Amino acid sequence: MKHYTVDTDKKWDYENGFYLTCETGRIGKFLNHLEIYKKIIGLPGDVLEFGVYKGTSFVRLISFRDLLEHTDNRKLIGFDAFGKFPDELGLESDKTFVANFEGAGGYGISKEELEAHLQKKGSSNYELIEGDIHKTLPEFIKTNPDMKIALLHIDVDVYEPSKLILELLWDNIVPGGILMLDDYNTVEGETKAVDEFFQGQDIEILKMPYYHIPSYIVKG
């Protein structure tokens, strides 16, 4: 199975093809992301995304920053294996999900290819961190112990990394900042991690009106 590749000379064909063939919910998800991003305008902190996959939402968030704020306002940091899912999965449902997911959609984009596309688009003030999140996130925190997060996007699907991200980064989200959950109530692993982490806490999991994905929490 090969990494996802695109031909940059066909960008207009891709755009037209998307609107002609996509499910309406894909546009709904775009609008939900936009409305959620608007909530962090004026807040301090960076945007961290876990689970870059093909790069779609990462590019989307960079675009929102550059259009609604300024490139220098905040950094975007994407964590991913940039290829195949890591093999260490505890829940049987996660193993089944990953097998079906990669069978249908293939592996994630490589870091090198996503970098090439971002550079061609002229994007800046971002960082891509490649590897198993169980290893890369603790190392990142060691060098950024006082980081502030305005938007934390969890889209890793499965239980263990979702729980780790919440345990290590929830306290770094600034008041009024957003935790965005791509797979809550749609994939068992992430749902279990979120429910366990917030059990007994006074939090509200919200939805935007345009599509059922993502869910989000506004930190009090």
C-alpha atoms as a PDB file:
ATOM      1  CA  MET A   1       0.000   0.000   0.000  1.00  0.00           C
ATOM      2  CA  LYS A   2       1.495   3.338  -1.041  1.00  0.00           C
ATOM      3  CA  HIS A   3       1.372   6.749   0.564  1.00  0.00           C
ATOM      4  CA  TYR A   4      -1.297   9.107  -0.703  1.00  0.00           C
ATOM      5  CA  THR A   5      -0.089  11.198  -3.649  1.00  0.00           C
ATOM      6  CA  VAL A   6      -1.596  14.018  -5.673  1.00  0.00           C
ATOM      7  CA  ASP A   7      -0.683  15.799  -8.894  1.00  0.00           C
ATOM      8  CA  THR A   8      -0.399  19.527  -8.192  1.00  0.00           C
ATOM      9  CA  ASP A   9      -1.041  20.296 -11.859  1.00  0.00           C
ATOM     10  CA  LYS A  10      -4.593  18.984 -11.432  1.00  0.00           C
ATOM     11  CA  LYS A  11      -5.671  21.234  -8.555  1.00  0.00           C
ATOM     12  CA  TRP A  12      -8.649  22.720 -10.438  1.00  0.00           C
ATOM     13  CA  ASP A  13      -9.832  19.238 -11.418  1.00  0.00           C
ATOM     14  CA  TYR A  14      -9.574  18.161  -7.771  1.00  0.00           C
ATOM     15  CA  GLU A  15     -11.569  21.174  -6.589  1.00  0.00           C
ATOM     16  CA  ASN A  16     -14.297  20.705  -9.174  1.00  0.00           C
ATOM     17  CA  GLY A  17     -14.373  16.971  -8.568  1.00  0.00           C
ATOM     18  CA  PHE A  18     -14.738  17.492  -4.827  1.00  0.00           C
ATOM     19  CA  TYR A  19     -17.831  19.689  -5.144  1.00  0.00           C
ATOM     20  CA  LEU A  20     -19.368  17.497  -7.826  1.00  0.00           C
ATOM     21  CA  THR A  21     -18.944  14.251  -5.906  1.00  0.00           C
ATOM     22  CA  CYS A  22     -18.588  14.899  -2.172  1.00  0.00           C
ATOM     23  CA  GLU A  23     -21.270  14.096   0.355  1.00  0.00           C
ATOM     24  CA  THR A  24     -22.926  17.230   1.723  1.00  0.00           C
ATOM     25  CA  GLY A  25     -21.645  16.305   5.168  1.00  0.00           C
ATOM     26  CA  ARG A  26     -18.073  16.974   4.049  1.00  0.00           C
ATOM     27  CA  ILE A  27     -18.963  20.629   3.525  1.00  0.00           C
ATOM     28  CA  GLY A  28     -20.805  20.554   6.846  1.00  0.00           C
ATOM     29  CA  LYS A  29     -17.646  19.346   8.584  1.00  0.00           C
ATOM     30  CA  PHE A  30     -15.672  22.175   6.955  1.00  0.00           C
ATOM     31  CA  LEU A  31     -18.183  24.706   8.287  1.00  0.00           C
ATOM     32  CA  ASN A  32     -18.053  23.149  11.754  1.00  0.00           C
ATOM     33  CA  HIS A  33     -14.261  23.452  11.792  1.00  0.00           C
ATOM     34  CA  LEU A  34     -14.532  27.083  10.698  1.00  0.00           C
ATOM     35  CA  GLU A  35     -17.041  27.997  13.400  1.00  0.00           C
ATOM     36  CA  ILE A  36     -14.992  26.238  16.072  1.00  0.00           C
ATOM     37  CA  TYR A  37     -11.801  27.984  14.957  1.00  0.00           C
ATOM     38  CA  LYS A  38     -13.535  31.358  15.225  1.00  0.00           C
ATOM     39  CA  LYS A  39     -13.980  30.723  18.960  1.00  0.00           C
ATOM     40  CA  ILE A  40     -10.227  30.924  19.598  1.00  0.00           C
ATOM     41  CA  ILE A  41      -9.638  34.233  17.825  1.00  0.00           C
ATOM     42  CA  GLY A  42      -8.079  36.604  20.347  1.00  0.00           C
ATOM     43  CA  LEU A  43      -6.978  33.813  22.684  1.00  0.00           C
ATOM     44  CA  PRO A  44      -3.303  33.098  23.379  1.00  0.00           C
ATOM     45  CA  GLY A  45      -1.834  29.740  22.503  1.00  0.00           C
ATOM     46  CA  ASP A  46      -0.992  27.457  19.628  1.00  0.00           C
ATOM     47  CA  VAL A  47      -3.040  24.901  17.689  1.00  0.00           C
ATOM     48  CA  LEU A  48      -2.063  21.256  18.118  1.00  0.00           C
ATOM     49  CA  GLU A  49      -3.475  18.504  15.937  1.00  0.00           C
ATOM     50  CA  PHE A  50      -3.017  14.819  16.685  1.00  0.00           C
ATOM     51  CA  GLY A  51      -3.837  12.614  13.717  1.00  0.00           C
ATOM     52  CA  VAL A  52      -2.937  14.464  10.528  1.00  0.00           C
ATOM     53  CA  TYR A  53      -3.684  11.495   8.209  1.00  0.00           C
ATOM     54  CA  LYS A  54      -3.945  12.950   4.664  1.00  0.00           C
ATOM     55  CA  GLY A  55      -3.346  16.532   5.841  1.00  0.00           C
ATOM     56  CA  THR A  56      -6.821  17.884   5.088  1.00  0.00           C
ATOM     57  CA  SER A  57      -7.761  19.333   8.468  1.00  0.00           C
ATOM     58  CA  PHE A  58      -4.208  20.531   9.142  1.00  0.00           C
ATOM     59  CA  VAL A  59      -4.200  22.560   5.913  1.00  0.00           C
ATOM     60  CA  ARG A  60      -7.702  23.752   6.747  1.00  0.00           C
ATOM     61  CA  LEU A  61      -6.615  25.038  10.171  1.00  0.00           C
ATOM     62  CA  ILE A  62      -3.567  26.777   8.708  1.00  0.00           C
ATOM     63  CA  SER A  63      -5.840  28.450   6.168  1.00  0.00           C
ATOM     64  CA  PHE A  64      -8.265  29.612   8.867  1.00  0.00           C
ATOM     65  CA  ARG A  65      -5.386  31.099  10.848  1.00  0.00           C
ATOM     66  CA  ASP A  66      -3.976  32.928   7.848  1.00  0.00           C
ATOM     67  CA  LEU A  67      -7.383  34.188   6.689  1.00  0.00           C
ATOM     68  CA  LEU A  68      -8.960  35.095  10.031  1.00  0.00           C
ATOM     69  CA  GLU A  69      -5.892  36.104  12.032  1.00  0.00           C
ATOM     70  CA  HIS A  70      -2.274  36.339  10.917  1.00  0.00           C
ATOM     71  CA  THR A  71       0.412  33.789  10.183  1.00  0.00           C
ATOM     72  CA  ASP A  72       2.436  34.969  13.181  1.00  0.00           C
ATOM     73  CA  ASN A  73      -0.481  34.829  15.637  1.00  0.00           C
ATOM     74  CA  ARG A  74      -0.008  31.201  16.584  1.00  0.00           C
ATOM     75  CA  LYS A  75       1.897  28.115  15.507  1.00  0.00           C
ATOM     76  CA  LEU A  76       0.232  24.965  14.191  1.00  0.00           C
ATOM     77  CA  ILE A  77       1.814  21.683  15.240  1.00  0.00           C
ATOM     78  CA  GLY A  78       0.786  18.346  13.735  1.00  0.00           C
ATOM     79  CA  PHE A  79       1.600  14.967  15.291  1.00  0.00           C
ATOM     80  CA  ASP A  80       1.260  11.788  13.262  1.00  0.00           C
ATOM     81  CA  ALA A  81       2.967   8.556  12.276  1.00  0.00           C
ATOM     82  CA  PHE A  82       2.779   9.901   8.702  1.00  0.00           C
ATOM     83  CA  GLY A  83       2.132   6.510   7.186  1.00  0.00           C
ATOM     84  CA  LYS A  84       0.848   3.324   8.748  1.00  0.00           C
ATOM     85  CA  PHE A  85      -0.885   3.296  12.145  1.00  0.00           C
ATOM     86  CA  PRO A  86       1.444   2.187  14.963  1.00  0.00           C
ATOM     87  CA  ASP A  87       0.911  -1.514  15.686  1.00  0.00           C
ATOM     88  CA  GLU A  88       0.540  -1.346  19.474  1.00  0.00           C
ATOM     89  CA  LEU A  89      -3.235  -1.273  19.970  1.00  0.00           C
ATOM     90  CA  GLY A  90      -4.903  -2.561  23.122  1.00  0.00           C
ATOM     91  CA  LEU A  91      -8.624  -2.636  22.335  1.00  0.00           C
ATOM     92  CA  GLU A  92      -9.811  -5.302  19.917  1.00  0.00           C
ATOM     93  CA  SER A  93     -12.296  -2.784  18.527  1.00  0.00           C
ATOM     94  CA  ASP A  94      -9.381  -0.438  17.764  1.00  0.00           C
ATOM     95  CA  LYS A  95      -7.556  -3.191  15.872  1.00  0.00           C
ATOM     96  CA  THR A  96     -10.677  -3.863  13.811  1.00  0.00           C
ATOM     97  CA  PHE A  97     -11.237  -0.174  13.202  1.00  0.00           C
ATOM     98  CA  VAL A  98      -7.670   0.419  11.997  1.00  0.00           C
ATOM     99  CA  ALA A  99      -7.752  -2.599   9.670  1.00  0.00           C
ATOM    100  CA  ASN A 100     -11.003  -1.402   8.098  1.00  0.00           C
ATOM    101  CA  PHE A 101      -9.908   2.247   8.031  1.00  0.00           C
ATOM    102  CA  GLU A 102      -6.579   1.625   6.303  1.00  0.00           C
ATOM    103  CA  GLY A 103      -8.193  -0.919   4.011  1.00  0.00           C
ATOM    104  CA  ALA A 104     -10.657   1.701   2.799  1.00  0.00           C
ATOM    105  CA  GLY A 105      -8.522   4.848   2.868  1.00  0.00           C
ATOM    106  CA  GLY A 106      -4.918   3.685   2.766  1.00  0.00           C
ATOM    107  CA  TYR A 107      -2.026   4.962   4.844  1.00  0.00           C
ATOM    108  CA  GLY A 108      -1.544   8.586   5.812  1.00  0.00           C
ATOM    109  CA  ILE A 109       0.412  11.054   3.742  1.00  0.00           C
ATOM    110  CA  SER A 110       4.180  11.052   4.311  1.00  0.00           C
ATOM    111  CA  LYS A 111       5.707  13.945   6.195  1.00  0.00           C
ATOM    112  CA  GLU A 112       7.921  14.765   3.215  1.00  0.00           C
ATOM    113  CA  GLU A 113       5.009  14.981   0.815  1.00  0.00           C
ATOM    114  CA  LEU A 114       2.887  17.106   3.134  1.00  0.00           C
ATOM    115  CA  GLU A 115       5.873  19.420   3.686  1.00  0.00           C
ATOM    116  CA  ALA A 116       6.250  19.764  -0.075  1.00  0.00           C
ATOM    117  CA  HIS A 117       2.600  20.716  -0.513  1.00  0.00           C
ATOM    118  CA  LEU A 118       2.669  23.194   2.361  1.00  0.00           C
ATOM    119  CA  GLN A 119       5.796  24.835   0.990  1.00  0.00           C
ATOM    120  CA  LYS A 120       4.251  25.053  -2.470  1.00  0.00           C
ATOM    121  CA  LYS A 121       1.230  26.774  -0.916  1.00  0.00           C
ATOM    122  CA  GLY A 122       3.532  29.222   0.858  1.00  0.00           C
ATOM    123  CA  SER A 123       2.488  28.094   4.344  1.00  0.00           C
ATOM    124  CA  SER A 124       4.690  28.880   7.324  1.00  0.00           C
ATOM    125  CA  ASN A 125       4.778  28.926  11.132  1.00  0.00           C
ATOM    126  CA  TYR A 126       3.956  25.257  11.528  1.00  0.00           C
ATOM    127  CA  GLU A 127       5.720  22.084  12.624  1.00  0.00           C
ATOM    128  CA  LEU A 128       5.161  18.418  11.755  1.00  0.00           C
ATOM    129  CA  ILE A 129       6.254  15.881  14.368  1.00  0.00           C
ATOM    130  CA  GLU A 130       6.609  12.349  13.039  1.00  0.00           C
ATOM    131  CA  GLY A 131       6.441   9.138  15.049  1.00  0.00           C
ATOM    132  CA  ASP A 132       4.471   7.254  17.688  1.00  0.00           C
ATOM    133  CA  ILE A 133       2.672   9.841  19.834  1.00  0.00           C
ATOM    134  CA  HIS A 134       3.489   7.825  22.961  1.00  0.00           C
ATOM    135  CA  LYS A 135       7.130   8.749  22.339  1.00  0.00           C
ATOM    136  CA  THR A 136       6.953  12.078  20.502  1.00  0.00           C
ATOM    137  CA  LEU A 137       4.498  13.849  22.815  1.00  0.00           C
ATOM    138  CA  PRO A 138       6.449  13.378  26.082  1.00  0.00           C
ATOM    139  CA  GLU A 139       9.597  14.546  24.295  1.00  0.00           C
ATOM    140  CA  PHE A 140       7.770  17.584  22.938  1.00  0.00           C
ATOM    141  CA  ILE A 141       6.490  18.489  26.398  1.00  0.00           C
ATOM    142  CA  LYS A 142      10.009  18.298  27.852  1.00  0.00           C
ATOM    143  CA  THR A 143      11.120  21.054  25.502  1.00  0.00           C
ATOM    144  CA  ASN A 144       7.848  23.036  25.768  1.00  0.00           C
ATOM    145  CA  PRO A 145       6.793  22.679  29.426  1.00  0.00           C
ATOM    146  CA  ASP A 146       4.917  25.989  29.611  1.00  0.00           C
ATOM    147  CA  MET A 147       3.120  25.865  26.287  1.00  0.00           C
ATOM    148  CA  LYS A 148      -0.315  27.393  25.919  1.00  0.00           C
ATOM    149  CA  ILE A 149      -2.882  25.722  23.688  1.00  0.00           C
ATOM    150  CA  ALA A 150      -5.817  27.583  22.149  1.00  0.00           C
ATOM    151  CA  LEU A 151      -7.123  24.612  20.145  1.00  0.00           C
ATOM    152  CA  LEU A 152      -6.325  20.954  20.729  1.00  0.00           C
ATOM    153  CA  HIS A 153      -7.627  18.698  17.958  1.00  0.00           C
ATOM    154  CA  ILE A 154      -7.674  14.961  18.729  1.00  0.00           C
ATOM    155  CA  ASP A 155      -8.213  12.811  15.643  1.00  0.00           C
ATOM    156  CA  VAL A 156      -6.218   9.660  16.380  1.00  0.00           C
ATOM    157  CA  ASP A 157      -9.334   7.445  16.520  1.00  0.00           C
ATOM    158  CA  VAL A 158      -8.057   4.877  19.011  1.00  0.00           C
ATOM    159  CA  TYR A 159      -7.992   4.631  22.799  1.00  0.00           C
ATOM    160  CA  GLU A 160      -4.405   4.716  24.107  1.00  0.00           C
ATOM    161  CA  PRO A 161      -3.093   7.828  22.321  1.00  0.00           C
ATOM    162  CA  SER A 162      -6.364   9.686  22.889  1.00  0.00           C
ATOM    163  CA  LYS A 163      -6.138   9.064  26.637  1.00  0.00           C
ATOM    164  CA  LEU A 164      -2.458  10.043  26.735  1.00  0.00           C
ATOM    165  CA  ILE A 165      -3.058  13.315  24.905  1.00  0.00           C
ATOM    166  CA  LEU A 166      -5.829  14.264  27.320  1.00  0.00           C
ATOM    167  CA  GLU A 167      -3.750  13.369  30.371  1.00  0.00           C
ATOM    168  CA  LEU A 168      -0.713  15.326  29.221  1.00  0.00           C
ATOM    169  CA  LEU A 169      -2.259  18.373  27.525  1.00  0.00           C
ATOM    170  CA  TRP A 170      -5.681  19.196  28.971  1.00  0.00           C
ATOM    171  CA  ASP A 171      -4.134  21.468  31.609  1.00  0.00           C
ATOM    172  CA  ASN A 172      -2.292  23.405  28.891  1.00  0.00           C
ATOM    173  CA  ILE A 173      -5.491  24.515  27.154  1.00  0.00           C
ATOM    174  CA  VAL A 174      -6.124  28.150  28.031  1.00  0.00           C
ATOM    175  CA  PRO A 175      -9.436  29.282  29.566  1.00  0.00           C
ATOM    176  CA  GLY A 176     -11.924  29.597  26.734  1.00  0.00           C
ATOM    177  CA  GLY A 177      -9.779  27.351  24.556  1.00  0.00           C
ATOM    178  CA  ILE A 178     -11.187  24.437  22.632  1.00  0.00           C
ATOM    179  CA  LEU A 179     -10.753  20.675  22.738  1.00  0.00           C
ATOM    180  CA  MET A 180     -11.991  19.401  19.353  1.00  0.00           C
ATOM    181  CA  LEU A 181     -12.836  15.687  19.140  1.00  0.00           C
ATOM    182  CA  ASP A 182     -13.180  14.214  15.680  1.00  0.00           C
ATOM    183  CA  ASP A 183     -14.247  10.728  16.710  1.00  0.00           C
ATOM    184  CA  TYR A 184     -16.283  11.151  19.885  1.00  0.00           C
ATOM    185  CA  ASN A 185     -19.386   8.938  19.725  1.00  0.00           C
ATOM    186  CA  THR A 186     -18.312   7.657  16.308  1.00  0.00           C
ATOM    187  CA  VAL A 187     -15.261   5.505  17.185  1.00  0.00           C
ATOM    188  CA  GLU A 188     -15.211   3.409  20.364  1.00  0.00           C
ATOM    189  CA  GLY A 189     -11.563   3.995  21.264  1.00  0.00           C
ATOM    190  CA  GLU A 190     -11.610   7.791  21.380  1.00  0.00           C
ATOM    191  CA  THR A 191     -15.069   7.801  22.965  1.00  0.00           C
ATOM    192  CA  LYS A 192     -13.915   5.516  25.785  1.00  0.00           C
ATOM    193  CA  ALA A 193     -10.824   7.658  26.410  1.00  0.00           C
ATOM    194  CA  VAL A 194     -12.834  10.889  26.603  1.00  0.00           C
ATOM    195  CA  ASP A 195     -15.539   9.425  28.846  1.00  0.00           C
ATOM    196  CA  GLU A 196     -12.959   8.007  31.247  1.00  0.00           C
ATOM    197  CA  PHE A 197     -10.901  11.176  31.412  1.00  0.00           C
ATOM    198  CA  PHE A 198     -13.839  13.489  32.093  1.00  0.00           C
ATOM    199  CA  GLN A 199     -15.814  11.141  34.332  1.00  0.00           C
ATOM    200  CA  GLY A 200     -17.242  13.089  37.257  1.00  0.00           C
ATOM    201  CA  GLN A 201     -16.130  16.446  35.849  1.00  0.00           C
ATOM    202  CA  ASP A 202     -18.505  19.274  35.058  1.00  0.00           C
ATOM    203  CA  ILE A 203     -17.916  19.575  31.327  1.00  0.00           C
ATOM    204  CA  GLU A 204     -20.298  19.818  28.382  1.00  0.00           C
ATOM    205  CA  ILE A 205     -19.574  18.120  25.069  1.00  0.00           C
ATOM    206  CA  LEU A 206     -21.014  20.274  22.301  1.00  0.00           C
ATOM    207  CA  LYS A 207     -21.859  19.950  18.611  1.00  0.00           C
ATOM    208  CA  MET A 208     -22.027  22.444  15.762  1.00  0.00           C
ATOM    209  CA  PRO A 209     -25.206  22.411  13.651  1.00  0.00           C
ATOM    210  CA  TYR A 210     -23.852  21.581  10.215  1.00  0.00           C
ATOM    211  CA  TYR A 211     -22.735  17.972  10.717  1.00  0.00           C
ATOM    212  CA  HIS A 212     -22.386  15.399  13.503  1.00  0.00           C
ATOM    213  CA  ILE A 213     -18.558  15.620  13.430  1.00  0.00           C
ATOM    214  CA  PRO A 214     -16.648  16.974  15.327  1.00  0.00           C
ATOM    215  CA  SER A 215     -17.646  17.342  18.966  1.00  0.00           C
ATOM    216  CA  TYR A 216     -15.943  20.001  21.069  1.00  0.00           C
ATOM    217  CA  ILE A 217     -15.466  21.231  24.629  1.00  0.00           C
ATOM    218  CA  VAL A 218     -14.887  24.834  25.665  1.00  0.00           C
ATOM    219  CA  LYS A 219     -12.534  24.859  28.649  1.00  0.00           C
ATOM    220  CA  GLY A 220     -13.874  26.889  31.545  1.00  0.00           C
END
